Amino acid sequence: MKLNILLITLGLLLSTSCKNCDIKSGSYGGGILTLRNENDSIFGKIDITQGSPAVKCYLTFGFIKDNNKCKRQIQLIDPFGNKYPGEIEIKDKEIFIQAQEQLGACQRVIDLKSGETFTLD
């Protein structure tokens, strides 16, 4: 009897501790990051230009949506098809993206190696 109560309690704790990591489509960080939902997939684009002479950073990524996984591995892809490993974490109205290596010219515009948080506009 005590074992059944313990198992039921454990089951309730596990089911209530699951996060819902629903990603909202839209613009983040003043338009630097754009996310869109398509069926069960999420597609993202980082697009920023800064400085004189202008340095452009344009990266895309995508992954399968899973509302129970708030943190996942992604590949950031530049316009030349180069792929860089990274990580995305979904928070309440915020997206945190971190690259696991330097991103060439993008590193001069935005420091994704240290990670960047983008807030829903």
PDB file of N, CA and C in Angstrom:
ATOM      1  N   MET A   1       0.822  -1.193   0.000  1.00  0.00           N
ATOM      2  CA  MET A   1       0.000   0.000   0.000  1.00  0.00           C
ATOM      3  C   MET A   1       0.871   1.264   0.000  1.00  0.00           C
ATOM      4  N   LYS A   2       1.917   1.282   0.864  1.00  0.00           N
ATOM      5  CA  LYS A   2       2.809   2.433   0.908  1.00  0.00           C
ATOM      6  C   LYS A   2       3.535   2.605  -0.425  1.00  0.00           C
ATOM      7  N   LEU A   3       3.882   1.487  -1.061  1.00  0.00           N
ATOM      8  CA  LEU A   3       4.566   1.541  -2.350  1.00  0.00           C
ATOM      9  C   LEU A   3       3.666   2.179  -3.405  1.00  0.00           C
ATOM     10  N   ASN A   4       2.374   1.828  -3.411  1.00  0.00           N
ATOM     11  CA  ASN A   4       1.433   2.418  -4.369  1.00  0.00           C
ATOM     12  C   ASN A   4       1.309   3.926  -4.158  1.00  0.00           C
ATOM     13  N   ILE A   5       1.218   4.350  -2.907  1.00  0.00           N
ATOM     14  CA  ILE A   5       1.116   5.778  -2.617  1.00  0.00           C
ATOM     15  C   ILE A   5       2.390   6.493  -3.061  1.00  0.00           C
ATOM     16  N   LEU A   6       3.538   5.887  -2.800  1.00  0.00           N
ATOM     17  CA  LEU A   6       4.809   6.472  -3.214  1.00  0.00           C
ATOM     18  C   LEU A   6       4.891   6.591  -4.737  1.00  0.00           C
ATOM     19  N   LEU A   7       4.491   5.565  -5.455  1.00  0.00           N
ATOM     20  CA  LEU A   7       4.520   5.593  -6.919  1.00  0.00           C
ATOM     21  C   LEU A   7       3.565   6.636  -7.479  1.00  0.00           C
ATOM     22  N   ILE A   8       2.389   6.751  -6.894  1.00  0.00           N
ATOM     23  CA  ILE A   8       1.421   7.753  -7.358  1.00  0.00           C
ATOM     24  C   ILE A   8       1.959   9.161  -7.105  1.00  0.00           C
ATOM     25  N   THR A   9       2.530   9.382  -5.933  1.00  0.00           N
ATOM     26  CA  THR A   9       3.106  10.686  -5.607  1.00  0.00           C
ATOM     27  C   THR A   9       4.243  11.026  -6.551  1.00  0.00           C
ATOM     28  N   LEU A  10       5.117  10.078  -6.809  1.00  0.00           N
ATOM     29  CA  LEU A  10       6.228  10.294  -7.731  1.00  0.00           C
ATOM     30  C   LEU A  10       5.719  10.607  -9.135  1.00  0.00           C
ATOM     31  N   GLY A  11       4.706   9.886  -9.585  1.00  0.00           N
ATOM     32  CA  GLY A  11       4.114  10.141 -10.902  1.00  0.00           C
ATOM     33  C   GLY A  11       3.531  11.541 -11.006  1.00  0.00           C
ATOM     34  N   LEU A  12       2.856  11.991  -9.964  1.00  0.00           N
ATOM     35  CA  LEU A  12       2.291  13.344  -9.956  1.00  0.00           C
ATOM     36  C   LEU A  12       3.376  14.404  -9.974  1.00  0.00           C
ATOM     37  N   LEU A  13       4.431  14.199  -9.207  1.00  0.00           N
ATOM     38  CA  LEU A  13       5.538  15.153  -9.195  1.00  0.00           C
ATOM     39  C   LEU A  13       6.201  15.250 -10.563  1.00  0.00           C
ATOM     40  N   LEU A  14       6.433  14.125 -11.191  1.00  0.00           N
ATOM     41  CA  LEU A  14       7.063  14.130 -12.517  1.00  0.00           C
ATOM     42  C   LEU A  14       6.172  14.789 -13.554  1.00  0.00           C
ATOM     43  N   SER A  15       4.888  14.532 -13.507  1.00  0.00           N
ATOM     44  CA  SER A  15       3.992  15.099 -14.518  1.00  0.00           C
ATOM     45  C   SER A  15       3.805  16.594 -14.332  1.00  0.00           C
ATOM     46  N   THR A  16       3.874  17.099 -13.099  1.00  0.00           N
ATOM     47  CA  THR A  16       3.714  18.532 -12.885  1.00  0.00           C
ATOM     48  C   THR A  16       5.016  19.294 -13.071  1.00  0.00           C
ATOM     49  N   SER A  17       6.162  18.594 -13.055  1.00  0.00           N
ATOM     50  CA  SER A  17       7.430  19.286 -13.201  1.00  0.00           C
ATOM     51  C   SER A  17       7.848  19.435 -14.665  1.00  0.00           C
ATOM     52  N   CYS A  18       7.121  18.835 -15.583  1.00  0.00           N
ATOM     53  CA  CYS A  18       7.456  18.960 -17.009  1.00  0.00           C
ATOM     54  C   CYS A  18       7.216  20.394 -17.460  1.00  0.00           C
ATOM     55  N   LYS A  19       8.119  20.916 -18.258  1.00  0.00           N
ATOM     56  CA  LYS A  19       7.985  22.267 -18.769  1.00  0.00           C
ATOM     57  C   LYS A  19       7.231  22.231 -20.093  1.00  0.00           C
ATOM     58  N   ASN A  20       6.547  23.317 -20.361  1.00  0.00           N
ATOM     59  CA  ASN A  20       5.949  23.491 -21.671  1.00  0.00           C
ATOM     60  C   ASN A  20       6.780  24.549 -22.386  1.00  0.00           C
ATOM     61  N   CYS A  21       7.516  24.141 -23.375  1.00  0.00           N
ATOM     62  CA  CYS A  21       8.449  25.028 -24.068  1.00  0.00           C
ATOM     63  C   CYS A  21       7.885  25.443 -25.419  1.00  0.00           C
ATOM     64  N   ASP A  22       6.716  26.004 -25.392  1.00  0.00           N
ATOM     65  CA  ASP A  22       6.055  26.436 -26.613  1.00  0.00           C
ATOM     66  C   ASP A  22       6.787  27.649 -27.183  1.00  0.00           C
ATOM     67  N   ILE A  23       7.170  27.575 -28.430  1.00  0.00           N
ATOM     68  CA  ILE A  23       7.887  28.661 -29.096  1.00  0.00           C
ATOM     69  C   ILE A  23       6.892  29.523 -29.848  1.00  0.00           C
ATOM     70  N   LYS A  24       6.978  30.823 -29.611  1.00  0.00           N
ATOM     71  CA  LYS A  24       6.091  31.758 -30.282  1.00  0.00           C
ATOM     72  C   LYS A  24       6.740  32.258 -31.570  1.00  0.00           C
ATOM     73  N   SER A  25       6.009  32.167 -32.670  1.00  0.00           N
ATOM     74  CA  SER A  25       6.499  32.725 -33.930  1.00  0.00           C
ATOM     75  C   SER A  25       6.561  34.236 -33.798  1.00  0.00           C
ATOM     76  N   GLY A  26       7.511  34.824 -34.486  1.00  0.00           N
ATOM     77  CA  GLY A  26       7.584  36.276 -34.477  1.00  0.00           C
ATOM     78  C   GLY A  26       9.003  36.792 -34.492  1.00  0.00           C
ATOM     79  N   SER A  27       9.105  38.039 -34.133  1.00  0.00           N
ATOM     80  CA  SER A  27      10.357  38.768 -34.164  1.00  0.00           C
ATOM     81  C   SER A  27      10.906  38.907 -32.738  1.00  0.00           C
ATOM     82  N   TYR A  28      12.208  38.710 -32.594  1.00  0.00           N
ATOM     83  CA  TYR A  28      12.871  38.778 -31.298  1.00  0.00           C
ATOM     84  C   TYR A  28      14.064  39.728 -31.394  1.00  0.00           C
ATOM     85  N   GLY A  29      14.389  40.374 -30.289  1.00  0.00           N
ATOM     86  CA  GLY A  29      15.603  41.200 -30.231  1.00  0.00           C
ATOM     87  C   GLY A  29      15.613  42.349 -31.205  1.00  0.00           C
ATOM     88  N   GLY A  30      14.483  43.038 -31.333  1.00  0.00           N
ATOM     89  CA  GLY A  30      14.421  44.174 -32.262  1.00  0.00           C
ATOM     90  C   GLY A  30      14.497  43.768 -33.717  1.00  0.00           C
ATOM     91  N   GLY A  31      14.047  42.554 -34.019  1.00  0.00           N
ATOM     92  CA  GLY A  31      14.026  42.084 -35.405  1.00  0.00           C
ATOM     93  C   GLY A  31      15.270  41.330 -35.831  1.00  0.00           C
ATOM     94  N   ILE A  32      16.229  41.160 -34.926  1.00  0.00           N
ATOM     95  CA  ILE A  32      17.462  40.438 -35.275  1.00  0.00           C
ATOM     96  C   ILE A  32      17.170  38.956 -35.509  1.00  0.00           C
ATOM     97  N   LEU A  33      16.319  38.376 -34.669  1.00  0.00           N
ATOM     98  CA  LEU A  33      15.952  36.966 -34.771  1.00  0.00           C
ATOM     99  C   LEU A  33      14.487  36.855 -35.169  1.00  0.00           C
ATOM    100  N   THR A  34      14.214  36.025 -36.152  1.00  0.00           N
ATOM    101  CA  THR A  34      12.843  35.761 -36.576  1.00  0.00           C
ATOM    102  C   THR A  34      12.599  34.260 -36.494  1.00  0.00           C
ATOM    103  N   LEU A  35      11.491  33.869 -35.869  1.00  0.00           N
ATOM    104  CA  LEU A  35      11.117  32.457 -35.767  1.00  0.00           C
ATOM    105  C   LEU A  35       9.753  32.249 -36.387  1.00  0.00           C
ATOM    106  N   ARG A  36       9.596  31.087 -37.042  1.00  0.00           N
ATOM    107  CA  ARG A  36       8.273  30.738 -37.577  1.00  0.00           C
ATOM    108  C   ARG A  36       8.022  29.251 -37.360  1.00  0.00           C
ATOM    109  N   ASN A  37       6.781  28.949 -37.022  1.00  0.00           N
ATOM    110  CA  ASN A  37       6.326  27.566 -36.854  1.00  0.00           C
ATOM    111  C   ASN A  37       5.734  27.092 -38.166  1.00  0.00           C
ATOM    112  N   GLU A  38       6.113  25.915 -38.595  1.00  0.00           N
ATOM    113  CA  GLU A  38       5.517  25.283 -39.767  1.00  0.00           C
ATOM    114  C   GLU A  38       5.263  23.832 -39.424  1.00  0.00           C
ATOM    115  N   ASN A  39       3.988  23.501 -39.221  1.00  0.00           N
ATOM    116  CA  ASN A  39       3.601  22.161 -38.802  1.00  0.00           C
ATOM    117  C   ASN A  39       4.329  21.797 -37.519  1.00  0.00           C
ATOM    118  N   ASP A  40       5.208  20.810 -37.545  1.00  0.00           N
ATOM    119  CA  ASP A  40       5.942  20.390 -36.351  1.00  0.00           C
ATOM    120  C   ASP A  40       7.389  20.861 -36.371  1.00  0.00           C
ATOM    121  N   SER A  41       7.708  21.837 -37.204  1.00  0.00           N
ATOM    122  CA  SER A  41       9.080  22.327 -37.309  1.00  0.00           C
ATOM    123  C   SER A  41       9.158  23.808 -36.961  1.00  0.00           C
ATOM    124  N   ILE A  42      10.327  24.209 -36.472  1.00  0.00           N
ATOM    125  CA  ILE A  42      10.634  25.599 -36.171  1.00  0.00           C
ATOM    126  C   ILE A  42      11.780  26.016 -37.084  1.00  0.00           C
ATOM    127  N   PHE A  43      11.634  27.171 -37.721  1.00  0.00           N
ATOM    128  CA  PHE A  43      12.690  27.712 -38.569  1.00  0.00           C
ATOM    129  C   PHE A  43      13.065  29.080 -38.034  1.00  0.00           C
ATOM    130  N   GLY A  44      14.380  29.327 -37.938  1.00  0.00           N
ATOM    131  CA  GLY A  44      14.858  30.591 -37.410  1.00  0.00           C
ATOM    132  C   GLY A  44      15.858  31.242 -38.326  1.00  0.00           C
ATOM    133  N   LYS A  45      15.947  32.585 -38.181  1.00  0.00           N
ATOM    134  CA  LYS A  45      16.877  33.365 -38.997  1.00  0.00           C
ATOM    135  C   LYS A  45      17.425  34.494 -38.135  1.00  0.00           C
ATOM    136  N   ILE A  46      18.742  34.607 -38.093  1.00  0.00           N
ATOM    137  CA  ILE A  46      19.408  35.740 -37.461  1.00  0.00           C
ATOM    138  C   ILE A  46      19.933  36.600 -38.591  1.00  0.00           C
ATOM    139  N   ASP A  47      19.532  37.866 -38.605  1.00  0.00           N
ATOM    140  CA  ASP A  47      19.904  38.772 -39.687  1.00  0.00           C
ATOM    141  C   ASP A  47      20.217  40.139 -39.093  1.00  0.00           C
ATOM    142  N   ILE A  48      21.503  40.504 -39.108  1.00  0.00           N
ATOM    143  CA  ILE A  48      21.920  41.787 -38.543  1.00  0.00           C
ATOM    144  C   ILE A  48      23.089  42.328 -39.358  1.00  0.00           C
ATOM    145  N   THR A  49      23.090  43.636 -39.566  1.00  0.00           N
ATOM    146  CA  THR A  49      24.178  44.324 -40.249  1.00  0.00           C
ATOM    147  C   THR A  49      24.616  45.482 -39.368  1.00  0.00           C
ATOM    148  N   GLN A  50      25.925  45.621 -39.173  1.00  0.00           N
ATOM    149  CA  GLN A  50      26.452  46.690 -38.327  1.00  0.00           C
ATOM    150  C   GLN A  50      27.757  47.206 -38.870  1.00  0.00           C
ATOM    151  N   GLY A  51      28.098  48.427 -38.453  1.00  0.00           N
ATOM    152  CA  GLY A  51      29.415  48.999 -38.704  1.00  0.00           C
ATOM    153  C   GLY A  51      29.571  49.680 -40.034  1.00  0.00           C
ATOM    154  N   SER A  52      30.754  50.272 -40.176  1.00  0.00           N
ATOM    155  CA  SER A  52      31.122  50.939 -41.411  1.00  0.00           C
ATOM    156  C   SER A  52      32.598  50.632 -41.667  1.00  0.00           C
ATOM    157  N   PRO A  53      32.959  49.888 -42.684  1.00  0.00           N
ATOM    158  CA  PRO A  53      32.056  49.295 -43.668  1.00  0.00           C
ATOM    159  C   PRO A  53      31.162  48.236 -43.020  1.00  0.00           C
ATOM    160  N   ALA A  54      30.000  48.081 -43.588  1.00  0.00           N
ATOM    161  CA  ALA A  54      28.979  47.198 -43.024  1.00  0.00           C
ATOM    162  C   ALA A  54      29.433  45.737 -43.007  1.00  0.00           C
ATOM    163  N   VAL A  55      29.194  45.093 -41.871  1.00  0.00           N
ATOM    164  CA  VAL A  55      29.439  43.656 -41.725  1.00  0.00           C
ATOM    165  C   VAL A  55      28.086  43.012 -41.506  1.00  0.00           C
ATOM    166  N   LYS A  56      27.772  42.029 -42.327  1.00  0.00           N
ATOM    167  CA  LYS A  56      26.471  41.372 -42.260  1.00  0.00           C
ATOM    168  C   LYS A  56      26.620  39.991 -41.644  1.00  0.00           C
ATOM    169  N   CYS A  57      25.689  39.683 -40.745  1.00  0.00           N
ATOM    170  CA  CYS A  57      25.624  38.345 -40.156  1.00  0.00           C
ATOM    171  C   CYS A  57      24.250  37.780 -40.495  1.00  0.00           C
ATOM    172  N   TYR A  58      24.252  36.682 -41.235  1.00  0.00           N
ATOM    173  CA  TYR A  58      23.000  36.035 -41.630  1.00  0.00           C
ATOM    174  C   TYR A  58      23.160  34.539 -41.383  1.00  0.00           C
ATOM    175  N   LEU A  59      22.365  34.011 -40.456  1.00  0.00           N
ATOM    176  CA  LEU A  59      22.415  32.593 -40.107  1.00  0.00           C
ATOM    177  C   LEU A  59      21.009  32.034 -40.068  1.00  0.00           C
ATOM    178  N   THR A  60      20.864  30.786 -40.468  1.00  0.00           N
ATOM    179  CA  THR A  60      19.568  30.121 -40.389  1.00  0.00           C
ATOM    180  C   THR A  60      19.729  28.824 -39.593  1.00  0.00           C
ATOM    181  N   PHE A  61      18.606  28.328 -39.093  1.00  0.00           N
ATOM    182  CA  PHE A  61      18.593  27.047 -38.395  1.00  0.00           C
ATOM    183  C   PHE A  61      17.171  26.522 -38.380  1.00  0.00           C
ATOM    184  N   GLY A  62      17.026  25.264 -38.073  1.00  0.00           N
ATOM    185  CA  GLY A  62      15.716  24.648 -37.966  1.00  0.00           C
ATOM    186  C   GLY A  62      15.780  23.414 -37.093  1.00  0.00           C
ATOM    187  N   PHE A  63      14.629  23.043 -36.530  1.00  0.00           N
ATOM    188  CA  PHE A  63      14.562  21.827 -35.724  1.00  0.00           C
ATOM    189  C   PHE A  63      13.112  21.398 -35.578  1.00  0.00           C
ATOM    190  N   ILE A  64      12.927  20.156 -35.177  1.00  0.00           N
ATOM    191  CA  ILE A  64      11.598  19.593 -34.946  1.00  0.00           C
ATOM    192  C   ILE A  64      11.082  20.098 -33.601  1.00  0.00           C
ATOM    193  N   LYS A  65       9.859  20.579 -33.586  1.00  0.00           N
ATOM    194  CA  LYS A  65       9.252  21.121 -32.373  1.00  0.00           C
ATOM    195  C   LYS A  65       8.949  20.006 -31.378  1.00  0.00           C
ATOM    196  N   ASP A  66       9.289  20.254 -30.114  1.00  0.00           N
ATOM    197  CA  ASP A  66       8.986  19.345 -29.008  1.00  0.00           C
ATOM    198  C   ASP A  66       8.760  20.211 -27.780  1.00  0.00           C
ATOM    199  N   ASN A  67       7.499  20.382 -27.384  1.00  0.00           N
ATOM    200  CA  ASN A  67       7.164  21.290 -26.292  1.00  0.00           C
ATOM    201  C   ASN A  67       7.674  20.824 -24.935  1.00  0.00           C
ATOM    202  N   ASN A  68       8.258  19.639 -24.860  1.00  0.00           N
ATOM    203  CA  ASN A  68       8.800  19.146 -23.594  1.00  0.00           C
ATOM    204  C   ASN A  68      10.312  19.319 -23.501  1.00  0.00           C
ATOM    205  N   LYS A  69      10.949  19.776 -24.582  1.00  0.00           N
ATOM    206  CA  LYS A  69      12.400  19.996 -24.584  1.00  0.00           C
ATOM    207  C   LYS A  69      12.673  21.476 -24.753  1.00  0.00           C
ATOM    208  N   CYS A  70      13.145  22.107 -23.689  1.00  0.00           N
ATOM    209  CA  CYS A  70      13.415  23.542 -23.737  1.00  0.00           C
ATOM    210  C   CYS A  70      14.819  23.862 -24.240  1.00  0.00           C
ATOM    211  N   LYS A  71      15.700  22.884 -24.205  1.00  0.00           N
ATOM    212  CA  LYS A  71      17.082  23.095 -24.626  1.00  0.00           C
ATOM    213  C   LYS A  71      17.438  22.009 -25.621  1.00  0.00           C
ATOM    214  N   ARG A  72      18.045  22.400 -26.724  1.00  0.00           N
ATOM    215  CA  ARG A  72      18.388  21.413 -27.749  1.00  0.00           C
ATOM    216  C   ARG A  72      19.567  21.884 -28.582  1.00  0.00           C
ATOM    217  N   GLN A  73      20.202  20.931 -29.230  1.00  0.00           N
ATOM    218  CA  GLN A  73      21.321  21.202 -30.128  1.00  0.00           C
ATOM    219  C   GLN A  73      20.768  21.630 -31.487  1.00  0.00           C
ATOM    220  N   ILE A  74      21.426  22.609 -32.114  1.00  0.00           N
ATOM    221  CA  ILE A  74      21.049  23.062 -33.451  1.00  0.00           C
ATOM    222  C   ILE A  74      22.312  23.233 -34.285  1.00  0.00           C
ATOM    223  N   GLN A  75      22.110  23.439 -35.575  1.00  0.00           N
ATOM    224  CA  GLN A  75      23.208  23.803 -36.469  1.00  0.00           C
ATOM    225  C   GLN A  75      22.881  25.165 -37.058  1.00  0.00           C
ATOM    226  N   LEU A  76      23.775  26.110 -36.856  1.00  0.00           N
ATOM    227  CA  LEU A  76      23.654  27.436 -37.450  1.00  0.00           C
ATOM    228  C   LEU A  76      24.312  27.384 -38.818  1.00  0.00           C
ATOM    229  N   ILE A  77      23.603  27.826 -39.841  1.00  0.00           N
ATOM    230  CA  ILE A  77      24.084  27.710 -41.220  1.00  0.00           C
ATOM    231  C   ILE A  77      24.240  29.108 -41.816  1.00  0.00           C
ATOM    232  N   ASP A  78      25.436  29.410 -42.329  1.00  0.00           N
ATOM    233  CA  ASP A  78      25.673  30.711 -42.948  1.00  0.00           C
ATOM    234  C   ASP A  78      25.278  30.660 -44.429  1.00  0.00           C
ATOM    235  N   PRO A  79      25.307  31.798 -45.133  1.00  0.00           N
ATOM    236  CA  PRO A  79      24.889  31.821 -46.549  1.00  0.00           C
ATOM    237  C   PRO A  79      25.734  30.951 -47.472  1.00  0.00           C
ATOM    238  N   PHE A  80      26.926  30.550 -47.040  1.00  0.00           N
ATOM    239  CA  PHE A  80      27.801  29.716 -47.864  1.00  0.00           C
ATOM    240  C   PHE A  80      27.599  28.230 -47.594  1.00  0.00           C
ATOM    241  N   GLY A  81      26.675  27.904 -46.699  1.00  0.00           N
ATOM    242  CA  GLY A  81      26.404  26.511 -46.370  1.00  0.00           C
ATOM    243  C   GLY A  81      27.270  25.943 -45.256  1.00  0.00           C
ATOM    244  N   ASN A  82      28.128  26.779 -44.671  1.00  0.00           N
ATOM    245  CA  ASN A  82      28.942  26.328 -43.542  1.00  0.00           C
ATOM    246  C   ASN A  82      28.038  26.101 -42.339  1.00  0.00           C
ATOM    247  N   LYS A  83      28.266  25.009 -41.622  1.00  0.00           N
ATOM    248  CA  LYS A  83      27.436  24.653 -40.472  1.00  0.00           C
ATOM    249  C   LYS A  83      28.258  24.756 -39.196  1.00  0.00           C
ATOM    250  N   TYR A  84      27.655  25.397 -38.200  1.00  0.00           N
ATOM    251  CA  TYR A  84      28.308  25.587 -36.914  1.00  0.00           C
ATOM    252  C   TYR A  84      27.420  24.991 -35.825  1.00  0.00           C
ATOM    253  N   PRO A  85      27.988  24.162 -34.948  1.00  0.00           N
ATOM    254  CA  PRO A  85      27.174  23.600 -33.870  1.00  0.00           C
ATOM    255  C   PRO A  85      26.772  24.683 -32.872  1.00  0.00           C
ATOM    256  N   GLY A  86      25.564  24.557 -32.364  1.00  0.00           N
ATOM    257  CA  GLY A  86      25.072  25.521 -31.393  1.00  0.00           C
ATOM    258  C   GLY A  86      24.002  24.909 -30.524  1.00  0.00           C
ATOM    259  N   GLU A  87      23.438  25.752 -29.699  1.00  0.00           N
ATOM    260  CA  GLU A  87      22.413  25.316 -28.761  1.00  0.00           C
ATOM    261  C   GLU A  87      21.366  26.414 -28.648  1.00  0.00           C
ATOM    262  N   ILE A  88      20.122  26.006 -28.524  1.00  0.00           N
ATOM    263  CA  ILE A  88      19.032  26.956 -28.329  1.00  0.00           C
ATOM    264  C   ILE A  88      18.288  26.554 -27.066  1.00  0.00           C
ATOM    265  N   GLU A  89      17.903  27.555 -26.297  1.00  0.00           N
ATOM    266  CA  GLU A  89      17.117  27.315 -25.086  1.00  0.00           C
ATOM    267  C   GLU A  89      15.907  28.239 -25.119  1.00  0.00           C
ATOM    268  N   ILE A  90      14.730  27.644 -24.943  1.00  0.00           N
ATOM    269  CA  ILE A  90      13.483  28.386 -24.965  1.00  0.00           C
ATOM    270  C   ILE A  90      13.113  28.736 -23.540  1.00  0.00           C
ATOM    271  N   LYS A  91      12.921  30.029 -23.293  1.00  0.00           N
ATOM    272  CA  LYS A  91      12.484  30.510 -21.991  1.00  0.00           C
ATOM    273  C   LYS A  91      11.177  31.270 -22.215  1.00  0.00           C
ATOM    274  N   ASP A  92      10.571  31.744 -21.165  1.00  0.00           N
ATOM    275  CA  ASP A  92       9.317  32.487 -21.292  1.00  0.00           C
ATOM    276  C   ASP A  92       9.540  33.775 -22.078  1.00  0.00           C
ATOM    277  N   LYS A  93       9.052  33.838 -23.295  1.00  0.00           N
ATOM    278  CA  LYS A  93       9.166  34.984 -24.202  1.00  0.00           C
ATOM    279  C   LYS A  93      10.609  35.353 -24.526  1.00  0.00           C
ATOM    280  N   GLU A  94      11.538  34.433 -24.305  1.00  0.00           N
ATOM    281  CA  GLU A  94      12.939  34.656 -24.627  1.00  0.00           C
ATOM    282  C   GLU A  94      13.530  33.418 -25.284  1.00  0.00           C
ATOM    283  N   ILE A  95      14.500  33.660 -26.143  1.00  0.00           N
ATOM    284  CA  ILE A  95      15.245  32.590 -26.800  1.00  0.00           C
ATOM    285  C   ILE A  95      16.725  32.864 -26.550  1.00  0.00           C
ATOM    286  N   PHE A  96      17.435  31.870 -26.036  1.00  0.00           N
ATOM    287  CA  PHE A  96      18.874  31.979 -25.822  1.00  0.00           C
ATOM    288  C   PHE A  96      19.565  31.108 -26.861  1.00  0.00           C
ATOM    289  N   ILE A  97      20.490  31.699 -27.616  1.00  0.00           N
ATOM    290  CA  ILE A  97      21.242  30.954 -28.635  1.00  0.00           C
ATOM    291  C   ILE A  97      22.724  31.104 -28.347  1.00  0.00           C
ATOM    292  N   GLN A  98      23.435  29.967 -28.412  1.00  0.00           N
ATOM    293  CA  GLN A  98      24.869  29.978 -28.195  1.00  0.00           C
ATOM    294  C   GLN A  98      25.536  29.085 -29.231  1.00  0.00           C
ATOM    295  N   ALA A  99      26.551  29.629 -29.887  1.00  0.00           N
ATOM    296  CA  ALA A  99      27.358  28.854 -30.831  1.00  0.00           C
ATOM    297  C   ALA A  99      28.489  28.192 -30.060  1.00  0.00           C
ATOM    298  N   GLN A 100      28.926  27.045 -30.516  1.00  0.00           N
ATOM    299  CA  GLN A 100      29.993  26.345 -29.818  1.00  0.00           C
ATOM    300  C   GLN A 100      31.366  26.627 -30.415  1.00  0.00           C
ATOM    301  N   GLU A 101      31.390  27.499 -31.432  1.00  0.00           N
ATOM    302  CA  GLU A 101      32.662  27.934 -32.010  1.00  0.00           C
ATOM    303  C   GLU A 101      32.472  29.312 -32.637  1.00  0.00           C
ATOM    304  N   GLN A 102      33.578  29.975 -32.984  1.00  0.00           N
ATOM    305  CA  GLN A 102      33.521  31.300 -33.606  1.00  0.00           C
ATOM    306  C   GLN A 102      32.785  31.217 -34.943  1.00  0.00           C
ATOM    307  N   LEU A 103      32.028  32.248 -35.260  1.00  0.00           N
ATOM    308  CA  LEU A 103      31.219  32.247 -36.474  1.00  0.00           C
ATOM    309  C   LEU A 103      31.732  33.217 -37.532  1.00  0.00           C
ATOM    310  N   GLY A 104      33.010  33.270 -37.742  1.00  0.00           N
ATOM    311  CA  GLY A 104      33.578  34.106 -38.791  1.00  0.00           C
ATOM    312  C   GLY A 104      33.193  35.564 -38.636  1.00  0.00           C
ATOM    313  N   ALA A 105      32.734  36.192 -39.723  1.00  0.00           N
ATOM    314  CA  ALA A 105      32.385  37.608 -39.711  1.00  0.00           C
ATOM    315  C   ALA A 105      31.262  37.908 -38.715  1.00  0.00           C
ATOM    316  N   CYS A 106      30.384  36.955 -38.485  1.00  0.00           N
ATOM    317  CA  CYS A 106      29.289  37.170 -37.521  1.00  0.00           C
ATOM    318  C   CYS A 106      29.823  37.499 -36.140  1.00  0.00           C
ATOM    319  N   GLN A 107      30.979  36.965 -35.790  1.00  0.00           N
ATOM    320  CA  GLN A 107      31.536  37.186 -34.467  1.00  0.00           C
ATOM    321  C   GLN A 107      31.844  38.666 -34.243  1.00  0.00           C
ATOM    322  N   ARG A 108      32.107  39.413 -35.329  1.00  0.00           N
ATOM    323  CA  ARG A 108      32.370  40.848 -35.207  1.00  0.00           C
ATOM    324  C   ARG A 108      31.084  41.626 -34.954  1.00  0.00           C
ATOM    325  N   VAL A 109      29.944  41.035 -35.284  1.00  0.00           N
ATOM    326  CA  VAL A 109      28.658  41.724 -35.166  1.00  0.00           C
ATOM    327  C   VAL A 109      27.925  41.322 -33.890  1.00  0.00           C
ATOM    328  N   ILE A 110      27.940  40.036 -33.571  1.00  0.00           N
ATOM    329  CA  ILE A 110      27.205  39.517 -32.415  1.00  0.00           C
ATOM    330  C   ILE A 110      28.011  38.368 -31.809  1.00  0.00           C
ATOM    331  N   ASP A 111      28.111  38.343 -30.501  1.00  0.00           N
ATOM    332  CA  ASP A 111      28.934  37.342 -29.827  1.00  0.00           C
ATOM    333  C   ASP A 111      28.107  36.112 -29.459  1.00  0.00           C
ATOM    334  N   LEU A 112      27.805  35.287 -30.453  1.00  0.00           N
ATOM    335  CA  LEU A 112      27.047  34.072 -30.192  1.00  0.00           C
ATOM    336  C   LEU A 112      27.893  33.005 -29.505  1.00  0.00           C
ATOM    337  N   LYS A 113      29.200  33.148 -29.550  1.00  0.00           N
ATOM    338  CA  LYS A 113      30.083  32.196 -28.855  1.00  0.00           C
ATOM    339  C   LYS A 113      29.830  32.249 -27.347  1.00  0.00           C
ATOM    340  N   SER A 114      29.606  33.441 -26.817  1.00  0.00           N
ATOM    341  CA  SER A 114      29.265  33.600 -25.399  1.00  0.00           C
ATOM    342  C   SER A 114      27.779  33.416 -25.159  1.00  0.00           C
ATOM    343  N   GLY A 115      26.999  33.509 -26.237  1.00  0.00           N
ATOM    344  CA  GLY A 115      25.551  33.337 -26.135  1.00  0.00           C
ATOM    345  C   GLY A 115      24.824  34.670 -26.137  1.00  0.00           C
ATOM    346  N   GLU A 116      23.633  34.662 -26.661  1.00  0.00           N
ATOM    347  CA  GLU A 116      22.814  35.876 -26.755  1.00  0.00           C
ATOM    348  C   GLU A 116      21.363  35.532 -26.447  1.00  0.00           C
ATOM    349  N   THR A 117      20.732  36.388 -25.664  1.00  0.00           N
ATOM    350  CA  THR A 117      19.311  36.229 -25.351  1.00  0.00           C
ATOM    351  C   THR A 117      18.515  37.202 -26.182  1.00  0.00           C
ATOM    352  N   PHE A 118      17.482  36.694 -26.845  1.00  0.00           N
ATOM    353  CA  PHE A 118      16.601  37.507 -27.671  1.00  0.00           C
ATOM    354  C   PHE A 118      15.203  37.498 -27.027  1.00  0.00           C
ATOM    355  N   THR A 119      14.642  38.686 -26.816  1.00  0.00           N
ATOM    356  CA  THR A 119      13.317  38.811 -26.194  1.00  0.00           C
ATOM    357  C   THR A 119      12.283  39.057 -27.272  1.00  0.00           C
ATOM    358  N   LEU A 120      11.115  38.438 -27.112  1.00  0.00           N
ATOM    359  CA  LEU A 120      10.007  38.593 -28.066  1.00  0.00           C
ATOM    360  C   LEU A 120       9.634  40.067 -28.182  1.00  0.00           C
ATOM    361  N   ASP A 121       9.572  40.569 -29.428  1.00  0.00           N
ATOM    362  CA  ASP A 121       9.213  41.989 -29.668  1.00  0.00           C
ATOM    363  C   ASP A 121       7.729  42.201 -29.447  1.00  0.00           C
TER     364      ASP A 121
END
